[in-house]
Amino acid sequence: MRSRKLALRRRRVTQTNGTSHLTINHGATVDLDSSNAFEGPEKLLEVWFSVSASTLPVTSSPLGLKIIPTETWKEMLDLVNCRVLSVIESEDVDAYLLSESSMFVFPHKLILKTCGTTTLLCGLPRILEIAATVAGFPHTLAKDNASIGTAAHPYRVFYSRKNFLFPDRQRGPHRSWRDEVKTLDRLFLGGSAYVIGKLNGEHWYLYLTEPNTMLTPPSTPERRETETKVLDLPISRASVSACSAGYEDDDETLELLMTDLDPQCAEQFSIDHASAVAEGRFYDRVHEARVVAPQALGIVVDMPTTASNTMTSAHLRTIDEVDVFSNTSSDPNDLICFECEQETYPEELTTEGHTLGTVVSESSGLADVYPVSKYPDARIDAYLFTPCGFSANGVIPTPNGLDATHYFTVHVTPEPNCSYASFETNVPSKQTGRETNDIIKQVVSIFKPGRFSVTLFEGNGSVDDEYSRTNNGHHMAKKDARMDTIPGYRRVDRIVHDFDGYDLVFKYFEKLDYGGGGLRIGEKDF
């Protein structure tokens, strides 16, 4: 786990347009270090308490989960063993950048993604309790159920991860997939567990519950363990149940999990490289200022004389006689007015990690995946760890301002012995005007991984609506086919699965000349 030192000081900056504001936990950013080999692949949890933000239960707060204070979430994250670095708050979603990945809080659902040796599932009982006692979601007393007194009824729960690089280093319920399934079964009835992909190759684990999830009654005697279904066929079509889902039409989540990154691409996410880029940009700006300044000062000197600006010839000197930079040095700090620092600089530029994180997100091309030219209200919160490692959250409001705000998140572990990067987004393709395959190509070009897997979850509407399901099936088939072509890569594995309310596409790619990085399977139990 990345080391950290805690403090209490925090500051907040509010944007003038009121669309979002950023809070940085300065104490949690002190002395963050990523010197050791790190488990990049994340554990991903989604807990839905309602179908959408517009259908919250009457008992809940109108703000839903967003009514829950940051301090309460921090207490929950203590159980997970990670800390809050900073928060972007917006009307539709609050994006928490964590010491180990990210958390997104919507009115109706929570997404928690953590890497390293975090104990994500240890925080799940507390999430259910907070949703009930603070946000007011329907709940029952759950005595003796996972050591919590009250638990909200989730609408649906998803938990997933790829196979770990260092499974023997995991803690708590994450030592094996079997232990994770047991932990989830102790909380929920009717869960289904899957392993998707080749058991002797890259694969991905998934646990999900049916709509209108029921909590496991306390003291259930000799409950049978949920069997993990193996999906390893080239194409698999299997409907899990026959309930009406009613999800939002544009609900889709794309996730890229990349390993064996190109060394030169990975180097971008180190302190040394980012500092050099930042220093180069600073001197470029100084040079530009030197060129522009004489022209600007010439205008001042040539201004017509008035009663208020009359100067004698003794006070006027030519530009050649005045060196406006004579009292400055090459140290950037010499150009900073420390008394005005908070008013002069955006909050994300007031810690080194956030400063260099912003530099990296721009120089690497990650900021161009959803460019400000198309999304003027988008906000990226990025952090660069010492000596290397990178995390970023993006909050992406729709350009028309009428639809919900979406997100993307990126996490990079660049060390050669464990290089890994992930990219996740729920920005719908119909909003971007770009094919999903175009997003995949752009992200892959930034990291140039030796191998990567793609998972695409896409809502398919009500399972009772055969016409909609047929149309959605044709649409998904076309999208699936286009996702097969990634320049420089060959598709090794492809699985398509039809869940209740969702279609899932899983694909695994390798570089055409890939020849290194033996697979780490490692887990004794599923």
Protein backbone atom coordinates (compact mmCIF):
# COMPACT_ATOMS: atom_id res chain seq x y z
CA MET A 1 0.00 0.00 0.00
CA ARG A 2 1.22 3.47 -0.78
CA SER A 3 2.42 5.03 2.49
CA ARG A 4 0.76 8.19 3.73
CA LYS A 5 0.81 10.67 6.61
CA LEU A 6 -2.43 12.15 7.89
CA ALA A 7 -3.30 15.71 8.88
CA LEU A 8 -6.45 17.76 9.31
CA ARG A 9 -5.93 20.80 7.09
CA ARG A 10 -8.18 21.07 4.00
CA ARG A 11 -9.03 23.85 1.62
CA ARG A 12 -11.82 24.32 -0.90
CA VAL A 13 -12.03 26.19 -4.17
CA THR A 14 -15.37 26.96 -5.77
CA GLN A 15 -15.62 27.48 -9.50
CA THR A 16 -17.27 30.73 -10.53
CA ASN A 17 -19.76 28.98 -12.77
CA GLY A 18 -20.93 26.84 -9.87
CA THR A 19 -20.80 23.61 -11.84
CA SER A 20 -18.31 21.85 -9.56
CA HIS A 21 -15.72 22.50 -6.90
CA LEU A 22 -12.60 20.74 -5.75
CA THR A 23 -11.57 19.92 -2.19
CA ILE A 24 -8.02 18.74 -1.49
CA ASN A 25 -7.11 16.81 1.65
CA HIS A 26 -3.59 18.23 1.94
CA GLY A 27 -2.70 16.02 4.88
CA ALA A 28 -3.35 12.81 2.96
CA THR A 29 -1.09 13.96 0.13
CA VAL A 30 1.95 14.37 2.37
CA ASP A 31 4.68 11.78 1.89
CA LEU A 32 2.68 9.50 -0.41
CA ASP A 33 5.15 6.98 -1.79
CA SER A 34 4.93 4.17 -4.34
CA SER A 35 8.48 2.82 -4.21
CA ASN A 36 7.65 -0.88 -3.89
CA ALA A 37 6.12 -3.37 -6.32
CA PHE A 38 2.44 -2.60 -6.44
CA GLU A 39 -0.76 -4.53 -7.22
CA GLY A 40 -2.28 -2.38 -9.95
CA PRO A 41 -5.38 -4.42 -10.90
CA GLU A 42 -8.33 -3.02 -8.99
CA LYS A 43 -11.26 -4.43 -7.13
CA LEU A 44 -14.44 -2.76 -8.41
CA LEU A 45 -17.70 -2.50 -6.47
CA GLU A 46 -20.97 -0.94 -7.65
CA VAL A 47 -23.90 -0.72 -5.26
CA TRP A 48 -27.17 0.58 -6.70
CA PHE A 49 -29.92 1.62 -4.29
CA SER A 50 -32.31 2.71 -7.04
CA VAL A 51 -32.66 2.28 -10.80
CA SER A 52 -31.82 5.94 -11.42
CA ALA A 53 -31.40 9.28 -9.67
CA SER A 54 -34.94 10.21 -10.71
CA THR A 55 -36.54 7.20 -9.00
CA LEU A 56 -35.23 7.50 -5.45
CA PRO A 57 -37.48 5.98 -2.75
CA VAL A 58 -39.76 8.44 -0.95
CA THR A 59 -38.05 7.59 2.34
CA SER A 60 -34.61 8.69 1.14
CA SER A 61 -33.14 12.17 1.06
CA PRO A 62 -33.82 14.04 -2.22
CA LEU A 63 -30.03 14.08 -2.63
CA GLY A 64 -29.78 10.34 -2.08
CA LEU A 65 -26.24 9.19 -1.27
CA LYS A 66 -24.89 12.68 -1.97
CA ILE A 67 -26.35 13.83 1.36
CA ILE A 68 -23.70 11.75 3.13
CA PRO A 69 -20.84 13.96 4.45
CA THR A 70 -17.27 13.42 3.29
CA GLU A 71 -16.18 12.70 6.86
CA THR A 72 -18.61 9.75 7.00
CA TRP A 73 -17.19 8.32 3.79
CA LYS A 74 -13.69 8.73 5.19
CA GLU A 75 -14.61 6.58 8.17
CA MET A 76 -15.88 3.88 5.82
CA LEU A 77 -12.70 4.09 3.74
CA ASP A 78 -10.63 3.50 6.88
CA LEU A 79 -12.07 -0.04 6.80
CA VAL A 80 -10.89 -0.36 3.21
CA ASN A 81 -7.42 0.95 4.10
CA CYS A 82 -7.28 3.94 1.79
CA ARG A 83 -7.58 7.72 2.15
CA VAL A 84 -9.22 10.61 0.34
CA LEU A 85 -6.77 12.86 -1.54
CA SER A 86 -9.27 15.25 -3.11
CA VAL A 87 -12.91 15.56 -4.17
CA ILE A 88 -14.68 17.09 -7.16
CA GLU A 89 -18.25 17.88 -6.18
CA SER A 90 -20.91 18.46 -8.85
CA GLU A 91 -24.68 18.38 -9.02
CA ASP A 92 -24.88 14.79 -10.31
CA VAL A 93 -21.78 13.04 -8.94
CA ASP A 94 -19.02 13.53 -6.37
CA ALA A 95 -15.68 12.13 -7.54
CA TYR A 96 -13.26 11.10 -4.78
CA LEU A 97 -9.62 10.63 -5.73
CA LEU A 98 -8.16 8.11 -3.29
CA SER A 99 -4.69 7.05 -2.22
CA GLU A 100 -5.60 3.75 -3.90
CA SER A 101 -7.84 4.61 -6.88
CA SER A 102 -11.31 6.21 -6.83
CA MET A 103 -14.86 6.47 -5.53
CA PHE A 104 -17.87 8.02 -7.28
CA VAL A 105 -21.02 8.90 -5.37
CA PHE A 106 -24.25 9.45 -7.31
CA PRO A 107 -27.64 10.04 -5.69
CA HIS A 108 -28.69 6.44 -6.45
CA LYS A 109 -25.44 4.44 -6.58
CA LEU A 110 -21.87 4.22 -5.35
CA ILE A 111 -18.83 3.05 -7.32
CA LEU A 112 -15.72 2.15 -5.31
CA LYS A 113 -12.54 1.08 -7.09
CA THR A 114 -9.41 0.25 -5.08
CA CYS A 115 -6.03 -1.26 -5.93
CA GLY A 116 -3.07 -2.56 -3.96
CA THR A 117 -3.81 -4.66 -0.89
CA THR A 118 -6.93 -2.71 0.08
CA THR A 119 -9.77 -4.62 1.74
CA LEU A 120 -12.64 -3.23 -0.31
CA LEU A 121 -15.31 -5.74 0.74
CA CYS A 122 -14.66 -4.93 4.40
CA GLY A 123 -16.29 -1.56 3.72
CA LEU A 124 -19.45 -2.97 2.12
CA PRO A 125 -21.45 -3.60 5.34
CA ARG A 126 -20.70 -0.04 6.43
CA ILE A 127 -21.86 1.29 3.04
CA LEU A 128 -25.21 -0.45 3.51
CA GLU A 129 -25.49 0.95 7.04
CA ILE A 130 -24.65 4.52 5.96
CA ALA A 131 -27.15 4.37 3.10
CA ALA A 132 -29.84 3.43 5.60
CA THR A 133 -29.07 5.65 8.58
CA VAL A 134 -27.82 8.80 6.81
CA ALA A 135 -29.40 8.76 3.35
CA GLY A 136 -32.68 7.18 4.46
CA PHE A 137 -32.91 4.33 1.96
CA PRO A 138 -35.36 1.53 2.88
CA HIS A 139 -33.74 -0.88 5.28
CA THR A 140 -34.19 -3.62 7.83
CA LEU A 141 -32.50 -4.40 11.09
CA ALA A 142 -29.94 -7.05 10.32
CA LYS A 143 -28.88 -8.44 13.68
CA ASP A 144 -25.85 -10.67 13.57
CA ASN A 145 -25.55 -9.98 9.83
CA ALA A 146 -21.95 -9.03 9.12
CA SER A 147 -21.72 -7.15 12.43
CA ILE A 148 -24.01 -4.29 11.40
CA GLY A 149 -27.21 -3.21 13.06
CA THR A 150 -28.99 -1.76 10.05
CA ALA A 151 -28.58 -2.39 6.32
CA ALA A 152 -30.22 -0.67 3.35
CA HIS A 153 -31.78 -2.83 0.65
CA PRO A 154 -29.67 -2.39 -2.48
CA TYR A 155 -31.37 -2.52 -5.84
CA ARG A 156 -28.44 -4.36 -7.36
CA VAL A 157 -24.79 -5.11 -6.56
CA PHE A 158 -21.84 -5.73 -8.90
CA TYR A 159 -18.34 -6.76 -7.87
CA SER A 160 -15.54 -7.52 -10.33
CA ARG A 161 -11.76 -7.69 -10.84
CA LYS A 162 -9.19 -9.23 -13.12
CA ASN A 163 -6.73 -11.90 -11.94
CA PHE A 164 -4.20 -10.36 -9.56
CA LEU A 165 -0.51 -9.96 -10.37
CA PHE A 166 0.48 -10.78 -6.76
CA PRO A 167 -2.46 -12.74 -5.28
CA ASP A 168 -0.42 -14.03 -2.33
CA ARG A 169 -0.09 -10.45 -0.99
CA GLN A 170 -3.82 -9.82 -0.68
CA ARG A 171 -5.48 -9.54 2.73
CA GLY A 172 -8.79 -10.32 4.38
CA PRO A 173 -11.53 -11.63 2.10
CA HIS A 174 -9.44 -10.96 -1.03
CA ARG A 175 -7.01 -13.84 -0.65
CA SER A 176 -9.03 -15.83 -3.18
CA TRP A 177 -12.11 -15.45 -5.37
CA ARG A 178 -13.83 -18.14 -3.33
CA ASP A 179 -13.40 -16.09 -0.14
CA GLU A 180 -14.76 -13.01 -1.89
CA VAL A 181 -17.85 -14.91 -3.05
CA LYS A 182 -18.42 -16.23 0.48
CA THR A 183 -18.20 -12.68 1.85
CA LEU A 184 -20.79 -11.42 -0.65
CA ASP A 185 -23.07 -14.42 -0.09
CA ARG A 186 -23.15 -13.63 3.63
CA LEU A 187 -24.76 -10.30 2.70
CA PHE A 188 -26.98 -11.05 -0.31
CA LEU A 189 -29.36 -13.75 -1.49
CA GLY A 190 -29.42 -14.92 -5.09
CA GLY A 191 -25.97 -13.77 -6.12
CA SER A 192 -24.25 -15.25 -9.18
CA ALA A 193 -20.49 -15.67 -9.57
CA TYR A 194 -18.61 -15.94 -12.86
CA VAL A 195 -15.06 -16.27 -14.11
CA ILE A 196 -14.82 -14.92 -17.65
CA GLY A 197 -11.91 -15.87 -19.88
CA LYS A 198 -9.33 -18.62 -19.87
CA LEU A 199 -8.51 -20.12 -16.49
CA ASN A 200 -4.96 -20.70 -17.73
CA GLY A 201 -4.75 -17.17 -19.17
CA GLU A 202 -6.04 -13.66 -18.61
CA HIS A 203 -9.46 -13.77 -16.98
CA TRP A 204 -11.95 -11.57 -15.16
CA TYR A 205 -14.16 -12.31 -12.15
CA LEU A 206 -17.72 -11.05 -11.73
CA TYR A 207 -20.30 -11.32 -8.96
CA LEU A 208 -23.73 -9.75 -9.40
CA THR A 209 -27.11 -9.91 -7.75
CA GLU A 210 -30.54 -9.90 -9.33
CA PRO A 211 -32.67 -6.72 -9.43
CA ASN A 212 -34.30 -5.89 -6.09
CA THR A 213 -31.54 -7.62 -4.16
CA MET A 214 -32.51 -9.28 -0.89
CA LEU A 215 -30.26 -9.33 2.14
CA THR A 216 -29.24 -12.71 3.49
CA PRO A 217 -31.32 -13.47 6.61
CA PRO A 218 -29.24 -13.79 9.79
CA SER A 219 -28.25 -17.23 10.97
CA THR A 220 -29.13 -19.01 7.72
CA PRO A 221 -28.25 -22.64 8.47
CA GLU A 222 -25.91 -24.53 6.11
CA ARG A 223 -26.44 -22.19 3.20
CA ARG A 224 -25.04 -23.55 -0.04
CA GLU A 225 -22.04 -21.74 -1.46
CA THR A 226 -22.65 -19.91 -4.73
CA GLU A 227 -21.05 -21.85 -7.57
CA THR A 228 -18.72 -19.90 -9.85
CA LYS A 229 -19.77 -20.35 -13.47
CA VAL A 230 -16.94 -20.48 -15.99
CA LEU A 231 -17.51 -18.59 -19.23
CA ASP A 232 -14.72 -19.64 -21.56
CA LEU A 233 -16.46 -20.18 -24.90
CA PRO A 234 -15.81 -17.88 -27.86
CA ILE A 235 -19.44 -16.75 -27.76
CA SER A 236 -21.79 -17.43 -24.85
CA ARG A 237 -25.44 -16.35 -24.75
CA ALA A 238 -27.24 -17.17 -21.53
CA SER A 239 -30.02 -15.19 -19.90
CA VAL A 240 -29.61 -15.31 -16.14
CA SER A 241 -33.22 -14.54 -15.18
CA ALA A 242 -36.45 -13.16 -16.55
CA CYS A 243 -37.10 -10.04 -14.49
CA SER A 244 -37.80 -6.59 -15.89
CA ALA A 245 -34.78 -4.39 -15.33
CA GLY A 246 -35.78 -0.90 -16.43
CA TYR A 247 -32.28 0.61 -16.46
CA GLU A 248 -31.41 3.95 -17.95
CA ASP A 249 -31.13 3.58 -21.73
CA ASP A 250 -27.59 4.96 -21.95
CA ASP A 251 -26.14 2.99 -19.02
CA GLU A 252 -22.84 1.60 -20.26
CA THR A 253 -19.44 1.13 -18.69
CA LEU A 254 -16.22 0.57 -20.61
CA GLU A 255 -13.14 -0.72 -18.81
CA LEU A 256 -9.64 -1.28 -20.23
CA LEU A 257 -7.16 -3.27 -18.12
CA MET A 258 -3.65 -3.02 -19.56
CA THR A 259 -0.43 -4.79 -18.51
CA ASP A 260 3.20 -4.79 -19.70
CA LEU A 261 3.16 -1.11 -20.67
CA ASP A 262 5.66 0.23 -23.19
CA PRO A 263 8.63 1.48 -21.08
CA GLN A 264 8.76 4.89 -22.77
CA CYS A 265 5.02 5.37 -22.31
CA ALA A 266 5.23 4.24 -18.68
CA GLU A 267 8.07 6.69 -18.00
CA GLN A 268 5.64 9.59 -18.47
CA PHE A 269 4.07 8.66 -15.13
CA SER A 270 7.20 9.18 -13.01
CA ILE A 271 8.18 12.22 -10.96
CA ASP A 272 11.47 12.74 -12.83
CA HIS A 273 9.87 12.79 -16.27
CA ALA A 274 6.91 14.93 -15.21
CA SER A 275 9.19 17.42 -13.44
CA ALA A 276 11.28 17.78 -16.59
CA VAL A 277 8.14 18.41 -18.64
CA ALA A 278 6.88 20.96 -16.12
CA GLU A 279 10.25 22.74 -16.02
CA GLY A 280 10.38 22.87 -19.82
CA ARG A 281 6.92 24.38 -19.96
CA PHE A 282 7.87 26.98 -17.35
CA TYR A 283 10.92 28.15 -19.30
CA ASP A 284 8.88 28.20 -22.49
CA ARG A 285 6.44 30.56 -20.79
CA VAL A 286 9.29 32.75 -19.48
CA HIS A 287 10.81 32.96 -22.96
CA GLU A 288 7.45 33.89 -24.45
CA ALA A 289 7.02 36.56 -21.79
CA ARG A 290 10.44 38.03 -22.65
CA VAL A 291 9.41 38.32 -26.29
CA VAL A 292 6.01 39.84 -25.57
CA ALA A 293 7.01 42.18 -22.72
CA PRO A 294 8.92 44.81 -24.79
CA GLN A 295 5.95 45.20 -27.11
CA ALA A 296 3.57 45.63 -24.20
CA LEU A 297 5.87 48.08 -22.40
CA GLY A 298 6.34 50.02 -25.63
CA ILE A 299 2.63 50.66 -25.70
CA VAL A 300 2.80 52.02 -22.15
CA VAL A 301 5.69 54.36 -22.97
CA ASP A 302 3.99 55.70 -26.08
CA MET A 303 0.68 56.48 -24.33
CA PRO A 304 -0.57 60.08 -24.77
CA THR A 305 0.25 62.37 -21.90
CA THR A 306 -2.61 63.27 -19.58
CA ALA A 307 -2.84 65.04 -16.28
CA SER A 308 -2.98 61.73 -14.51
CA ASN A 309 -0.08 60.01 -16.23
CA THR A 310 2.35 62.81 -17.03
CA MET A 311 5.95 61.72 -16.61
CA THR A 312 9.08 63.77 -17.06
CA SER A 313 11.80 62.75 -19.46
CA ALA A 314 13.89 61.86 -16.44
CA HIS A 315 11.43 59.09 -15.65
CA LEU A 316 11.20 57.76 -19.22
CA ARG A 317 13.80 55.39 -20.54
CA THR A 318 13.88 53.32 -23.68
CA ILE A 319 13.26 49.58 -23.61
CA ASP A 320 16.96 48.97 -24.16
CA GLU A 321 17.65 50.66 -20.84
CA VAL A 322 15.14 48.60 -18.88
CA ASP A 323 15.56 44.89 -18.17
CA VAL A 324 12.23 43.82 -16.74
CA PHE A 325 13.73 40.47 -15.73
CA SER A 326 16.84 41.84 -14.02
CA ASN A 327 15.48 41.20 -10.53
CA THR A 328 14.21 37.67 -11.16
CA SER A 329 15.86 34.28 -11.16
CA SER A 330 15.24 30.96 -12.85
CA ASP A 331 13.56 29.67 -9.68
CA PRO A 332 9.78 29.45 -10.29
CA ASN A 333 9.18 30.28 -6.63
CA ASP A 334 10.64 33.75 -7.22
CA LEU A 335 7.66 34.56 -9.41
CA ILE A 336 5.09 33.61 -6.78
CA CYS A 337 3.44 36.07 -4.44
CA PHE A 338 2.96 33.83 -1.45
CA GLU A 339 0.49 36.18 0.18
CA CYS A 340 -1.72 35.88 -2.91
CA GLU A 341 -1.05 32.24 -3.70
CA GLN A 342 -4.49 30.92 -2.78
CA GLU A 343 -6.23 33.52 -4.93
CA THR A 344 -3.81 33.21 -7.87
CA TYR A 345 -3.52 29.47 -8.46
CA PRO A 346 -6.20 26.79 -8.94
CA GLU A 347 -6.42 24.44 -5.97
CA GLU A 348 -5.22 21.46 -7.99
CA LEU A 349 -1.88 23.27 -8.43
CA THR A 350 -1.16 23.78 -4.72
CA THR A 351 0.43 20.38 -3.96
CA GLU A 352 3.26 18.84 -5.94
CA GLY A 353 1.32 15.64 -6.57
CA HIS A 354 -1.66 17.52 -7.99
CA THR A 355 0.54 19.96 -9.91
CA LEU A 356 2.47 17.23 -11.68
CA GLY A 357 -0.67 15.13 -12.06
CA THR A 358 -2.18 17.96 -14.09
CA VAL A 359 1.00 18.17 -16.19
CA VAL A 360 0.94 14.43 -16.89
CA SER A 361 -2.76 14.30 -17.79
CA GLU A 362 -2.12 16.96 -20.43
CA SER A 363 1.28 15.83 -21.75
CA SER A 364 0.31 12.14 -22.01
CA GLY A 365 -2.85 12.86 -23.97
CA LEU A 366 -5.30 11.61 -21.33
CA ALA A 367 -6.91 15.05 -21.14
CA ASP A 368 -7.70 14.77 -24.86
CA VAL A 369 -9.90 11.67 -24.52
CA TYR A 370 -12.76 14.01 -23.55
CA PRO A 371 -11.34 17.40 -24.65
CA VAL A 372 -12.48 20.69 -23.19
CA SER A 373 -13.22 21.90 -26.72
CA LYS A 374 -16.17 19.50 -26.73
CA TYR A 375 -16.80 19.36 -22.97
CA PRO A 376 -16.10 22.90 -21.71
CA ASP A 377 -17.34 22.14 -18.19
CA ALA A 378 -15.30 18.96 -17.77
CA ARG A 379 -13.01 18.81 -14.75
CA ILE A 380 -10.00 16.50 -14.25
CA ASP A 381 -8.50 15.86 -10.82
CA ALA A 382 -5.10 14.16 -11.24
CA TYR A 383 -2.33 13.13 -8.86
CA LEU A 384 1.23 11.89 -9.49
CA PHE A 385 2.75 9.71 -6.76
CA THR A 386 6.39 9.61 -5.63
CA PRO A 387 8.51 8.30 -7.27
CA CYS A 388 5.95 7.09 -9.80
CA GLY A 389 2.28 6.14 -10.20
CA PHE A 390 -0.69 8.15 -11.35
CA SER A 391 -4.42 8.50 -10.64
CA ALA A 392 -7.03 10.75 -12.20
CA ASN A 393 -10.78 11.27 -12.04
CA GLY A 394 -12.71 13.14 -14.68
CA VAL A 395 -16.20 14.59 -14.26
CA ILE A 396 -17.82 15.06 -17.67
CA PRO A 397 -21.06 17.08 -17.81
CA THR A 398 -23.00 16.73 -21.04
CA PRO A 399 -22.43 19.64 -23.43
CA ASN A 400 -26.14 20.46 -23.53
CA GLY A 401 -26.41 20.44 -19.73
CA LEU A 402 -29.65 18.45 -19.90
CA ASP A 403 -28.44 14.91 -19.29
CA ALA A 404 -26.64 13.39 -16.32
CA THR A 405 -22.97 14.00 -15.59
CA HIS A 406 -20.66 11.07 -16.29
CA TYR A 407 -17.14 10.14 -15.27
CA PHE A 408 -13.89 8.55 -16.32
CA THR A 409 -11.03 7.33 -14.16
CA VAL A 410 -7.42 6.34 -14.92
CA HIS A 411 -4.86 4.59 -12.72
CA VAL A 412 -1.28 3.77 -13.67
CA THR A 413 1.39 1.59 -12.04
CA PRO A 414 4.42 2.15 -14.30
CA GLU A 415 7.10 0.04 -12.56
CA PRO A 416 8.60 -2.41 -15.13
CA ASN A 417 8.11 -5.49 -12.94
CA CYS A 418 4.40 -4.81 -12.44
CA SER A 419 3.38 -2.23 -15.05
CA TYR A 420 -0.36 -1.80 -15.34
CA ALA A 421 -2.90 0.84 -16.31
CA SER A 422 -6.67 0.95 -16.18
CA PHE A 423 -9.17 3.23 -17.86
CA GLU A 424 -12.87 3.23 -17.01
CA THR A 425 -15.69 5.45 -18.23
CA ASN A 426 -19.47 5.55 -18.31
CA VAL A 427 -19.69 8.41 -20.84
CA PRO A 428 -22.14 6.92 -23.38
CA SER A 429 -20.94 6.58 -26.95
CA LYS A 430 -24.02 8.37 -28.28
CA GLN A 431 -22.96 11.43 -26.26
CA THR A 432 -19.40 11.50 -27.59
CA GLY A 433 -20.36 10.94 -31.21
CA ARG A 434 -17.47 8.46 -31.35
CA GLU A 435 -17.42 4.70 -31.61
CA THR A 436 -16.38 2.79 -28.50
CA ASN A 437 -13.56 1.36 -30.58
CA ASP A 438 -12.19 4.87 -31.18
CA ILE A 439 -11.93 5.46 -27.42
CA ILE A 440 -10.16 2.11 -27.00
CA LYS A 441 -7.67 2.92 -29.76
CA GLN A 442 -6.91 6.35 -28.27
CA VAL A 443 -6.30 5.01 -24.77
CA VAL A 444 -4.25 2.04 -25.98
CA SER A 445 -2.06 4.41 -28.03
CA ILE A 446 -1.17 6.32 -24.83
CA PHE A 447 0.11 3.24 -22.98
CA LYS A 448 0.98 0.75 -25.79
CA PRO A 449 0.50 -2.27 -23.49
CA GLY A 450 1.84 -5.70 -24.37
CA ARG A 451 -1.62 -7.10 -23.59
CA PHE A 452 -4.94 -5.78 -22.43
CA SER A 453 -8.52 -6.83 -21.80
CA VAL A 454 -11.70 -4.92 -22.52
CA THR A 455 -15.02 -5.25 -20.72
CA LEU A 456 -18.09 -3.42 -21.93
CA PHE A 457 -21.31 -3.48 -19.90
CA GLU A 458 -24.27 -2.01 -21.73
CA GLY A 459 -27.90 -1.82 -20.61
CA ASN A 460 -30.22 -3.76 -22.91
CA GLY A 461 -33.57 -2.53 -21.55
CA SER A 462 -36.38 -4.67 -20.23
CA VAL A 463 -35.98 -8.38 -20.82
CA ASP A 464 -39.76 -8.56 -21.35
CA ASP A 465 -39.57 -6.24 -24.37
CA GLU A 466 -38.59 -8.62 -27.16
CA TYR A 467 -38.49 -5.89 -29.83
CA SER A 468 -36.12 -3.75 -27.77
CA ARG A 469 -33.96 -6.73 -26.92
CA THR A 470 -33.71 -7.72 -30.59
CA ASN A 471 -32.71 -4.19 -31.65
CA ASN A 472 -30.26 -3.87 -28.78
CA GLY A 473 -28.81 -7.26 -29.70
CA HIS A 474 -28.18 -6.16 -33.28
CA HIS A 475 -26.61 -2.90 -32.05
CA MET A 476 -24.36 -4.75 -29.61
CA ALA A 477 -23.33 -7.25 -32.30
CA LYS A 478 -22.20 -4.43 -34.62
CA LYS A 479 -20.32 -2.70 -31.81
CA ASP A 480 -18.75 -6.02 -30.79
CA ALA A 481 -17.50 -6.62 -34.34
CA ARG A 482 -15.93 -3.15 -34.61
CA MET A 483 -14.13 -3.69 -31.29
CA ASP A 484 -12.20 -6.58 -32.84
CA THR A 485 -9.86 -4.33 -34.82
CA ILE A 486 -7.09 -2.63 -32.82
CA PRO A 487 -4.04 -1.74 -34.98
CA GLY A 488 -0.94 -3.64 -33.91
CA TYR A 489 -2.87 -6.17 -31.81
CA ARG A 490 -4.55 -9.52 -32.28
CA ARG A 491 -7.66 -10.60 -30.43
CA VAL A 492 -6.95 -13.75 -28.43
CA ASP A 493 -10.25 -14.21 -26.61
CA ARG A 494 -13.83 -13.03 -27.00
CA ILE A 495 -16.87 -13.74 -24.85
CA VAL A 496 -20.33 -12.19 -25.10
CA HIS A 497 -22.82 -12.76 -22.30
CA ASP A 498 -26.42 -11.70 -21.82
CA PHE A 499 -27.19 -10.86 -18.20
CA ASP A 500 -30.47 -9.64 -16.78
CA GLY A 501 -30.70 -6.06 -18.05
CA TYR A 502 -27.15 -5.96 -19.44
CA ASP A 503 -25.01 -7.24 -22.27
CA LEU A 504 -21.36 -7.95 -21.47
CA VAL A 505 -18.52 -8.13 -23.98
CA PHE A 506 -15.13 -9.36 -22.77
CA LYS A 507 -12.11 -9.35 -25.09
CA TYR A 508 -8.43 -10.00 -24.58
CA PHE A 509 -5.73 -8.67 -26.94
CA GLU A 510 -1.99 -9.13 -27.32
CA LYS A 511 0.54 -7.18 -29.38
CA LEU A 512 1.42 -8.82 -32.67
CA ASP A 513 5.05 -9.12 -31.55
CA TYR A 514 4.27 -9.80 -27.89
CA GLY A 515 6.67 -12.28 -26.36
CA GLY A 516 7.23 -11.41 -22.71
CA GLY A 517 5.51 -11.08 -19.39
CA GLY A 518 4.49 -14.57 -18.37
CA LEU A 519 0.93 -14.76 -17.08
CA ARG A 520 0.47 -14.75 -13.33
CA ILE A 521 -2.47 -16.99 -12.55
CA GLY A 522 -1.53 -17.70 -8.97
CA GLU A 523 -4.85 -18.25 -7.21
CA LYS A 524 -5.37 -21.62 -5.60
CA ASP A 525 -9.14 -21.28 -5.17
CA PHE A 526 -11.78 -19.58 -7.27
